[in-house]
Amino acid sequence: MTAPLDGLRVLDLSRVLAGPWCTQLLADLGAEVIKIERPGRGDDTRQWGPHWLANEDGSAGTESSYYLSANRNKSSVTVDLSSAAGQEIVTDLARSSDVLVENFKVGGLIDKGLDYETLSKINPRLVYASITGFGQSGPRAQDPGYDYLAQALSGFMSVTGSPDGPPVRAGVAVSDLSTGLYTTVAVLAALLRRGISGVGQHIDVALLDTQTAMLANQASSFLVGGVAPGRSGDSHPSLAPYQMFEAADDTFIIACGNDRQFRTLCNVVGRPELADDERFAQNPGRVANRPRLAEELNSALRVKDRAFWLNVLPKAGVPAGSVNTVADAFDEAQLQHRGVRIDLPHPTAGSAPGVANPIKFSESPVQYRSAPPTLGQHTDEVLTNVLGFDADRIAALRTDQVI
């Protein structure tokens, strides 16, 4: 079955997470992705453990769990970009590519002849995406940028954590991941535009810009109200009840998104009068009186254990759930039904586990063709099949430490 992006070639000069997340998504959708890595070391995240995927014989492996999370369905080609011969290889690959994704510092590829201006003259149809911490222009354009920094500078950390505690970094790299997703959207839009105009374009995506955009309603709250929002812990700043509650044996969350769900909740817990109380009847009042509402609900919820409430509340149409560990999440029947875990054949480990792509197509399903590659696994194959190099030329490049 043909994948949505079948026949598309992506040249991936990115490393760590934002760029690889973008190119993995493009690969999942069927694109051929050629990942360019440094000889000997490769993508930085190959060293970011714990944990490392063990070899099939039980010995220590070299593929970190971090690297494995963002690099399936790709070919790995090792090329020394500091050498003229290495730059020529990448230029030749760009000549036949539809997309190039890179996350070098601003201007970092100009002296290598691999910048957009140079490559667009060689391949005018090339869609070239640059991912940086701060963008291609501005007073901080030359500064290195990382997810943590973007979370801090954007204001994201100021709204994350307990009201009486310090700002908190999110437990996953949300700036990197959202930037990867925005870049994917931009690449697909540019490809659609290319189908009309016949030419590619340069895409400039920054972690700080993206994380600020991801503030969404919190940013809008400030722009409309003029007051910077603070940390609300496990509660939603604009909805109630939308927080953690106490059963007889454990905590769980309830997330009512409207007055109807709240009334249903009150009926199920045996407190129907709360839905008619003028303090709680509508959402603005519930938000204003959140502490008192929580007391009333907790007193009713503590009479039964968590399992009881997690059985009856969803059946009644009230969103409720436990706060899972990651291990608990993979045991969730719903996620198992949706095929959240995948296992792909791996050349040294036998099999590599991963998390499935969440997109479900009716006609062109996501294809899991290969596990994240070992370093340089496809160098000879790509140089032979894509660029037409013979064995002697490849051997010479390897002797010269170009590949």
Protein backbone atom coordinates (compact mmCIF):
# COMPACT_ATOMS: atom_id res chain seq x y z
CA MET A 1 0.00 0.00 0.00
CA THR A 2 1.41 3.39 -1.00
CA ALA A 3 2.33 5.72 1.87
CA PRO A 4 1.33 9.42 1.71
CA LEU A 5 4.91 10.65 1.14
CA ASP A 6 6.14 7.72 -0.92
CA GLY A 7 8.77 8.90 -3.43
CA LEU A 8 9.84 11.91 -1.36
CA ARG A 9 13.51 12.15 -0.36
CA VAL A 10 14.54 14.00 2.81
CA LEU A 11 18.13 14.86 3.64
CA ASP A 12 18.43 15.06 7.42
CA LEU A 13 21.34 17.15 8.70
CA SER A 14 19.77 17.57 12.13
CA ARG A 15 20.55 15.96 15.45
CA VAL A 16 19.23 15.75 19.03
CA LEU A 17 15.39 16.00 18.99
CA ALA A 18 13.50 18.80 17.19
CA GLY A 19 14.91 18.02 13.74
CA PRO A 20 14.95 14.23 14.11
CA TRP A 21 11.37 14.33 15.43
CA CYS A 22 10.32 16.14 12.26
CA THR A 23 12.20 13.79 9.94
CA GLN A 24 10.98 10.67 11.76
CA LEU A 25 7.41 11.83 11.22
CA LEU A 26 8.14 12.42 7.53
CA ALA A 27 9.73 8.95 7.39
CA ASP A 28 6.71 7.38 9.08
CA LEU A 29 4.57 8.96 6.37
CA GLY A 30 6.63 7.22 3.72
CA ALA A 31 9.47 9.60 2.87
CA GLU A 32 12.97 8.24 2.29
CA VAL A 33 15.09 9.91 4.98
CA ILE A 34 18.88 9.95 4.71
CA LYS A 35 20.39 10.92 8.06
CA ILE A 36 23.85 12.48 7.82
CA GLU A 37 25.98 11.82 10.92
CA ARG A 38 29.51 12.54 12.06
CA PRO A 39 31.88 9.60 11.61
CA GLY A 40 32.79 7.96 14.89
CA ARG A 41 30.27 9.76 17.10
CA GLY A 42 27.07 10.41 15.20
CA ASP A 43 23.98 12.12 16.56
CA ASP A 44 24.62 13.59 20.03
CA THR A 45 21.72 11.62 21.49
CA ARG A 46 23.40 8.28 20.76
CA GLN A 47 25.32 9.04 23.98
CA TRP A 48 22.34 10.28 26.01
CA GLY A 49 21.51 7.53 28.46
CA PRO A 50 20.30 5.79 30.42
CA HIS A 51 19.25 3.45 28.95
CA TRP A 52 21.03 1.64 26.10
CA LEU A 53 19.55 -1.11 23.95
CA ALA A 54 21.40 -4.33 24.80
CA ASN A 55 22.87 -6.47 22.04
CA GLU A 56 21.22 -9.77 21.23
CA ASP A 57 23.98 -11.65 23.08
CA GLY A 58 23.31 -9.62 26.23
CA SER A 59 26.37 -7.39 25.92
CA ALA A 60 26.15 -3.62 26.29
CA GLY A 61 24.82 -1.83 23.22
CA THR A 62 25.53 1.64 21.86
CA GLU A 63 22.03 2.81 20.91
CA SER A 64 20.54 5.01 23.65
CA SER A 65 16.84 4.99 24.39
CA TYR A 66 16.81 8.74 23.64
CA TYR A 67 18.24 8.21 20.15
CA LEU A 68 15.87 5.31 19.51
CA SER A 69 12.85 7.53 20.21
CA ALA A 70 13.32 9.76 17.15
CA ASN A 71 15.17 7.95 14.37
CA ARG A 72 13.25 4.97 13.01
CA ASN A 73 12.64 4.50 9.29
CA LYS A 74 15.88 6.33 8.38
CA SER A 75 19.16 5.49 6.70
CA SER A 76 22.36 6.51 8.50
CA VAL A 77 25.25 7.82 6.39
CA THR A 78 28.44 9.00 8.07
CA VAL A 79 30.06 11.99 6.37
CA ASP A 80 32.75 14.41 7.58
CA LEU A 81 31.21 17.79 6.74
CA SER A 82 34.48 19.59 7.49
CA SER A 83 36.10 17.99 4.44
CA ALA A 84 35.64 19.15 0.85
CA ALA A 85 34.86 15.60 -0.25
CA GLY A 86 32.22 15.26 2.46
CA GLN A 87 30.62 18.55 1.47
CA GLU A 88 30.53 17.36 -2.13
CA ILE A 89 28.73 14.17 -1.10
CA VAL A 90 26.03 16.10 0.77
CA THR A 91 25.70 18.60 -2.08
CA ASP A 92 25.15 15.73 -4.50
CA LEU A 93 22.53 14.22 -2.19
CA ALA A 94 20.79 17.60 -1.91
CA ARG A 95 20.67 17.79 -5.69
CA SER A 96 18.24 14.87 -5.78
CA SER A 97 16.39 15.60 -2.51
CA ASP A 98 13.00 17.21 -2.02
CA VAL A 99 13.57 18.37 1.55
CA LEU A 100 16.57 19.25 3.71
CA VAL A 101 16.27 19.67 7.48
CA GLU A 102 19.15 21.13 9.51
CA ASN A 103 19.69 22.58 12.97
CA PHE A 104 23.17 24.10 12.75
CA LYS A 105 23.83 27.48 14.31
CA VAL A 106 22.80 30.42 12.11
CA GLY A 107 25.27 30.66 9.24
CA GLY A 108 27.00 27.44 10.26
CA LEU A 109 26.63 25.82 6.86
CA ILE A 110 27.63 28.77 4.67
CA ASP A 111 31.36 28.01 4.62
CA LYS A 112 30.53 24.41 3.72
CA GLY A 113 28.42 25.42 0.74
CA LEU A 114 25.41 23.70 2.30
CA ASP A 115 23.32 26.76 3.13
CA TYR A 116 19.97 27.47 1.50
CA GLU A 117 21.21 30.16 -0.88
CA THR A 118 23.86 27.85 -2.31
CA LEU A 119 21.81 24.67 -2.51
CA SER A 120 18.70 26.39 -3.89
CA LYS A 121 20.73 27.40 -6.94
CA ILE A 122 21.66 23.75 -7.47
CA ASN A 123 18.17 22.47 -6.71
CA PRO A 124 15.51 25.21 -6.98
CA ARG A 125 12.80 22.75 -5.92
CA LEU A 126 14.46 22.09 -2.56
CA VAL A 127 12.40 22.78 0.57
CA TYR A 128 15.04 23.72 3.15
CA ALA A 129 14.07 23.84 6.85
CA SER A 130 16.34 25.44 9.44
CA ILE A 131 15.67 24.81 13.13
CA THR A 132 17.45 26.95 15.72
CA GLY A 133 16.93 28.10 19.27
CA PHE A 134 16.15 31.72 18.42
CA GLY A 135 15.60 31.96 14.67
CA GLN A 136 17.63 33.24 11.73
CA SER A 137 17.42 36.89 12.81
CA GLY A 138 17.27 39.00 15.95
CA PRO A 139 19.61 39.94 18.82
CA ARG A 140 19.97 36.34 20.03
CA ALA A 141 20.08 34.61 16.66
CA GLN A 142 23.67 33.48 17.18
CA ASP A 143 23.08 32.09 20.67
CA PRO A 144 22.89 28.33 21.18
CA GLY A 145 19.40 27.23 22.15
CA TYR A 146 18.03 24.20 23.93
CA ASP A 147 14.60 23.00 24.99
CA TYR A 148 15.15 23.94 28.64
CA LEU A 149 16.10 27.49 27.68
CA ALA A 150 13.03 27.87 25.47
CA GLN A 151 10.77 26.60 28.26
CA ALA A 152 12.25 29.20 30.60
CA LEU A 153 12.39 32.23 28.30
CA SER A 154 8.94 31.72 26.78
CA GLY A 155 7.18 31.92 30.13
CA PHE A 156 6.16 28.27 29.94
CA MET A 157 7.94 27.36 33.16
CA SER A 158 6.30 30.26 34.97
CA VAL A 159 2.91 28.58 34.58
CA THR A 160 4.15 25.05 35.32
CA GLY A 161 4.33 23.71 38.88
CA SER A 162 2.62 24.24 42.20
CA PRO A 163 1.36 27.72 43.11
CA ASP A 164 3.61 27.77 46.18
CA GLY A 165 6.60 26.15 44.50
CA PRO A 166 9.27 27.17 41.99
CA PRO A 167 8.82 27.12 38.19
CA VAL A 168 9.15 23.59 36.80
CA ARG A 169 10.51 22.22 33.55
CA ALA A 170 8.12 19.86 31.76
CA GLY A 171 9.05 16.20 32.07
CA VAL A 172 9.49 15.84 28.31
CA ALA A 173 11.19 18.21 25.87
CA VAL A 174 8.00 20.00 24.83
CA SER A 175 9.84 22.82 23.03
CA ASP A 176 11.80 20.39 20.88
CA LEU A 177 8.82 18.17 20.16
CA SER A 178 6.44 21.00 19.29
CA THR A 179 9.11 22.60 17.10
CA GLY A 180 9.52 19.29 15.28
CA LEU A 181 5.78 19.13 14.69
CA TYR A 182 5.53 22.75 13.51
CA THR A 183 8.46 22.14 11.16
CA THR A 184 6.72 19.09 9.73
CA VAL A 185 3.60 21.13 9.06
CA ALA A 186 5.72 23.83 7.41
CA VAL A 187 7.56 21.30 5.22
CA LEU A 188 4.30 19.74 4.02
CA ALA A 189 2.82 23.18 3.30
CA ALA A 190 5.96 24.20 1.37
CA LEU A 191 5.79 21.00 -0.66
CA LEU A 192 2.15 21.73 -1.49
CA ARG A 193 3.13 25.25 -2.54
CA ARG A 194 5.98 23.83 -4.63
CA GLY A 195 3.45 21.76 -6.50
CA ILE A 196 1.88 25.03 -7.63
CA SER A 197 4.93 27.27 -8.08
CA GLY A 198 7.54 24.68 -9.02
CA VAL A 199 10.08 26.07 -6.55
CA GLY A 200 11.00 25.35 -2.95
CA GLN A 201 11.68 27.81 -0.17
CA HIS A 202 13.51 28.37 3.11
CA ILE A 203 11.69 27.62 6.38
CA ASP A 204 12.88 29.30 9.58
CA VAL A 205 11.58 27.70 12.80
CA ALA A 206 12.81 28.58 16.30
CA LEU A 207 12.33 26.80 19.62
CA LEU A 208 11.58 30.05 21.44
CA ASP A 209 8.98 31.16 18.88
CA THR A 210 7.32 27.76 18.96
CA GLN A 211 7.21 27.41 22.72
CA THR A 212 5.72 30.90 23.02
CA ALA A 213 3.04 29.99 20.48
CA MET A 214 2.37 26.83 22.51
CA LEU A 215 1.32 28.98 25.48
CA ALA A 216 -1.97 29.24 23.60
CA ASN A 217 -4.73 30.24 26.04
CA GLN A 218 -2.22 31.28 28.70
CA ALA A 219 -0.65 33.82 26.33
CA SER A 220 -4.10 34.98 25.25
CA SER A 221 -5.08 35.41 28.90
CA PHE A 222 -2.17 37.79 29.38
CA LEU A 223 -2.77 39.69 26.13
CA VAL A 224 -6.46 40.17 26.90
CA GLY A 225 -6.32 40.67 30.66
CA GLY A 226 -2.92 42.31 31.05
CA VAL A 227 -2.03 40.05 33.98
CA ALA A 228 0.67 37.38 33.67
CA PRO A 229 -0.81 33.99 34.60
CA GLY A 230 0.80 32.06 37.42
CA ARG A 231 1.22 28.42 38.35
CA SER A 232 -1.94 26.49 39.10
CA GLY A 233 -0.46 23.09 39.87
CA ASP A 234 -2.76 20.25 38.87
CA SER A 235 -5.73 22.62 38.41
CA HIS A 236 -6.83 24.25 35.16
CA PRO A 237 -6.73 28.05 35.32
CA SER A 238 -10.03 28.42 33.42
CA LEU A 239 -12.04 25.31 34.26
CA ALA A 240 -13.42 23.67 37.41
CA PRO A 241 -13.61 20.98 38.55
CA TYR A 242 -10.51 20.10 36.55
CA GLN A 243 -7.96 18.81 39.01
CA MET A 244 -6.88 16.03 41.38
CA PHE A 245 -9.39 14.61 43.84
CA GLU A 246 -9.26 12.17 46.76
CA ALA A 247 -10.91 8.77 46.84
CA ALA A 248 -10.86 6.58 49.92
CA ASP A 249 -7.59 4.92 48.93
CA ASP A 250 -5.87 7.09 46.32
CA THR A 251 -6.03 10.23 44.22
CA PHE A 252 -7.36 10.58 40.67
CA ILE A 253 -8.36 13.37 38.32
CA ILE A 254 -11.72 14.70 37.20
CA ALA A 255 -11.86 16.97 34.17
CA CYS A 256 -15.26 18.56 33.64
CA GLY A 257 -15.31 20.68 30.51
CA ASN A 258 -18.84 22.05 30.76
CA ASP A 259 -21.83 22.61 33.03
CA ARG A 260 -23.59 19.47 31.83
CA GLN A 261 -20.69 17.25 32.85
CA PHE A 262 -20.55 19.00 36.22
CA ARG A 263 -24.23 18.36 36.87
CA THR A 264 -23.74 14.70 35.97
CA LEU A 265 -20.79 14.52 38.36
CA CYS A 266 -22.87 15.97 41.18
CA ASN A 267 -25.63 13.44 40.58
CA VAL A 268 -23.22 10.48 40.48
CA VAL A 269 -21.46 11.44 43.73
CA GLY A 270 -24.78 12.01 45.49
CA ARG A 271 -24.55 15.79 45.75
CA PRO A 272 -27.07 17.04 43.12
CA GLU A 273 -27.64 20.28 45.06
CA LEU A 274 -24.14 21.48 44.18
CA ALA A 275 -25.14 21.88 40.53
CA ASP A 276 -27.86 24.35 41.57
CA ASP A 277 -25.73 26.27 44.06
CA GLU A 278 -25.20 29.75 42.60
CA ARG A 279 -21.51 29.53 43.49
CA PHE A 280 -21.04 26.43 41.35
CA ALA A 281 -23.84 26.31 38.76
CA GLN A 282 -21.70 27.84 36.00
CA ASN A 283 -18.01 27.54 35.24
CA PRO A 284 -16.94 31.13 36.12
CA GLY A 285 -18.38 30.66 39.61
CA ARG A 286 -16.73 27.28 40.00
CA VAL A 287 -13.36 28.75 39.06
CA ALA A 288 -13.82 31.63 41.50
CA ASN A 289 -14.85 29.24 44.27
CA ARG A 290 -12.53 26.37 43.38
CA PRO A 291 -11.21 25.63 46.94
CA ARG A 292 -14.71 25.40 48.40
CA LEU A 293 -15.95 23.26 45.51
CA ALA A 294 -12.99 20.90 45.93
CA GLU A 295 -13.82 20.47 49.63
CA GLU A 296 -17.43 19.61 48.85
CA LEU A 297 -16.50 17.11 46.15
CA ASN A 298 -13.69 15.49 48.12
CA SER A 299 -16.02 14.86 51.06
CA ALA A 300 -18.32 12.93 48.72
CA LEU A 301 -15.55 11.13 46.82
CA ARG A 302 -13.71 9.87 49.92
CA VAL A 303 -16.51 7.43 50.73
CA LYS A 304 -15.51 5.08 47.85
CA ASP A 305 -12.19 3.87 46.55
CA ARG A 306 -10.62 5.03 43.31
CA ALA A 307 -11.52 1.92 41.33
CA PHE A 308 -15.21 2.53 42.01
CA TRP A 309 -15.13 6.11 40.78
CA LEU A 310 -13.04 5.24 37.71
CA ASN A 311 -15.67 2.71 36.82
CA VAL A 312 -18.84 4.76 37.32
CA LEU A 313 -17.76 8.27 36.34
CA PRO A 314 -16.62 7.60 32.73
CA LYS A 315 -19.69 5.43 32.16
CA ALA A 316 -21.83 8.40 33.18
CA GLY A 317 -19.94 10.69 30.79
CA VAL A 318 -17.67 12.39 33.33
CA PRO A 319 -14.00 12.47 32.25
CA ALA A 320 -11.93 10.85 35.00
CA GLY A 321 -8.73 8.85 35.23
CA SER A 322 -5.79 7.80 37.32
CA VAL A 323 -2.41 9.55 37.14
CA ASN A 324 -0.37 6.80 35.57
CA THR A 325 3.31 6.15 35.69
CA VAL A 326 4.84 5.51 32.27
CA ALA A 327 4.75 1.79 33.10
CA ASP A 328 1.05 2.07 33.98
CA ALA A 329 0.37 3.84 30.69
CA PHE A 330 1.75 0.96 28.64
CA ASP A 331 -0.52 -1.38 30.63
CA GLU A 332 -3.62 0.67 29.78
CA ALA A 333 -6.06 -1.50 27.85
CA GLN A 334 -7.00 1.39 25.56
CA LEU A 335 -3.40 2.10 24.58
CA GLN A 336 -2.71 -1.58 24.06
CA HIS A 337 -5.75 -1.80 21.80
CA ARG A 338 -4.43 1.17 19.82
CA GLY A 339 -1.07 -0.55 19.34
CA VAL A 340 0.97 2.02 21.23
CA ARG A 341 4.03 -0.22 21.41
CA ILE A 342 5.90 -1.39 18.35
CA ASP A 343 8.95 -3.64 18.02
CA LEU A 344 11.20 -3.45 14.99
CA PRO A 345 13.98 -5.80 13.85
CA HIS A 346 17.39 -4.44 14.88
CA PRO A 347 20.75 -5.58 13.43
CA THR A 348 22.52 -6.00 16.78
CA ALA A 349 19.78 -6.14 19.41
CA GLY A 350 17.43 -8.41 17.50
CA SER A 351 14.50 -6.14 18.25
CA ALA A 352 14.09 -2.48 19.23
CA PRO A 353 10.95 -1.28 21.06
CA GLY A 354 9.31 2.03 20.26
CA VAL A 355 6.14 4.09 20.51
CA ALA A 356 3.80 3.96 17.53
CA ASN A 357 2.96 6.99 15.46
CA PRO A 358 -0.45 8.22 16.69
CA ILE A 359 -1.78 9.01 13.19
CA LYS A 360 -4.30 6.47 11.89
CA PHE A 361 -4.99 6.62 8.14
CA SER A 362 -7.86 4.68 6.58
CA GLU A 363 -6.19 4.16 3.19
CA SER A 364 -2.44 4.68 3.63
CA PRO A 365 -1.37 3.53 7.09
CA VAL A 366 1.91 4.49 8.71
CA GLN A 367 4.64 2.03 7.75
CA TYR A 368 7.33 0.87 10.15
CA ARG A 369 10.06 -0.17 7.75
CA SER A 370 13.15 -0.23 9.94
CA ALA A 371 14.49 0.36 13.44
CA PRO A 372 16.65 3.41 14.15
CA PRO A 373 19.89 2.72 12.26
CA THR A 374 23.24 1.93 13.77
CA LEU A 375 25.87 4.57 13.05
CA GLY A 376 26.75 4.56 9.37
CA GLN A 377 24.68 1.46 8.71
CA HIS A 378 23.64 2.60 5.24
CA THR A 379 26.67 4.60 4.10
CA ASP A 380 27.77 2.20 1.38
CA GLU A 381 24.21 1.48 0.27
CA VAL A 382 23.29 5.16 -0.16
CA LEU A 383 26.54 6.14 -1.86
CA THR A 384 26.15 3.23 -4.27
CA ASN A 385 22.43 3.37 -5.02
CA VAL A 386 21.80 7.12 -4.83
CA LEU A 387 25.09 8.62 -6.03
CA GLY A 388 26.42 5.75 -8.11
CA PHE A 389 29.80 5.44 -6.34
CA ASP A 390 31.76 2.27 -7.03
CA ALA A 391 33.50 0.15 -4.41
CA ASP A 392 36.94 1.66 -5.05
CA ARG A 393 35.70 5.21 -4.58
CA ILE A 394 33.90 4.29 -1.35
CA ALA A 395 37.02 2.53 -0.08
CA ALA A 396 39.13 5.60 -0.83
CA LEU A 397 36.68 7.87 1.00
CA ARG A 398 36.83 5.55 3.99
CA THR A 399 40.65 5.52 3.92
CA ASP A 400 40.62 9.33 3.87
CA GLN A 401 38.16 9.29 6.83
CA VAL A 402 35.60 11.25 4.83
CA ILE A 403 32.98 8.57 5.62
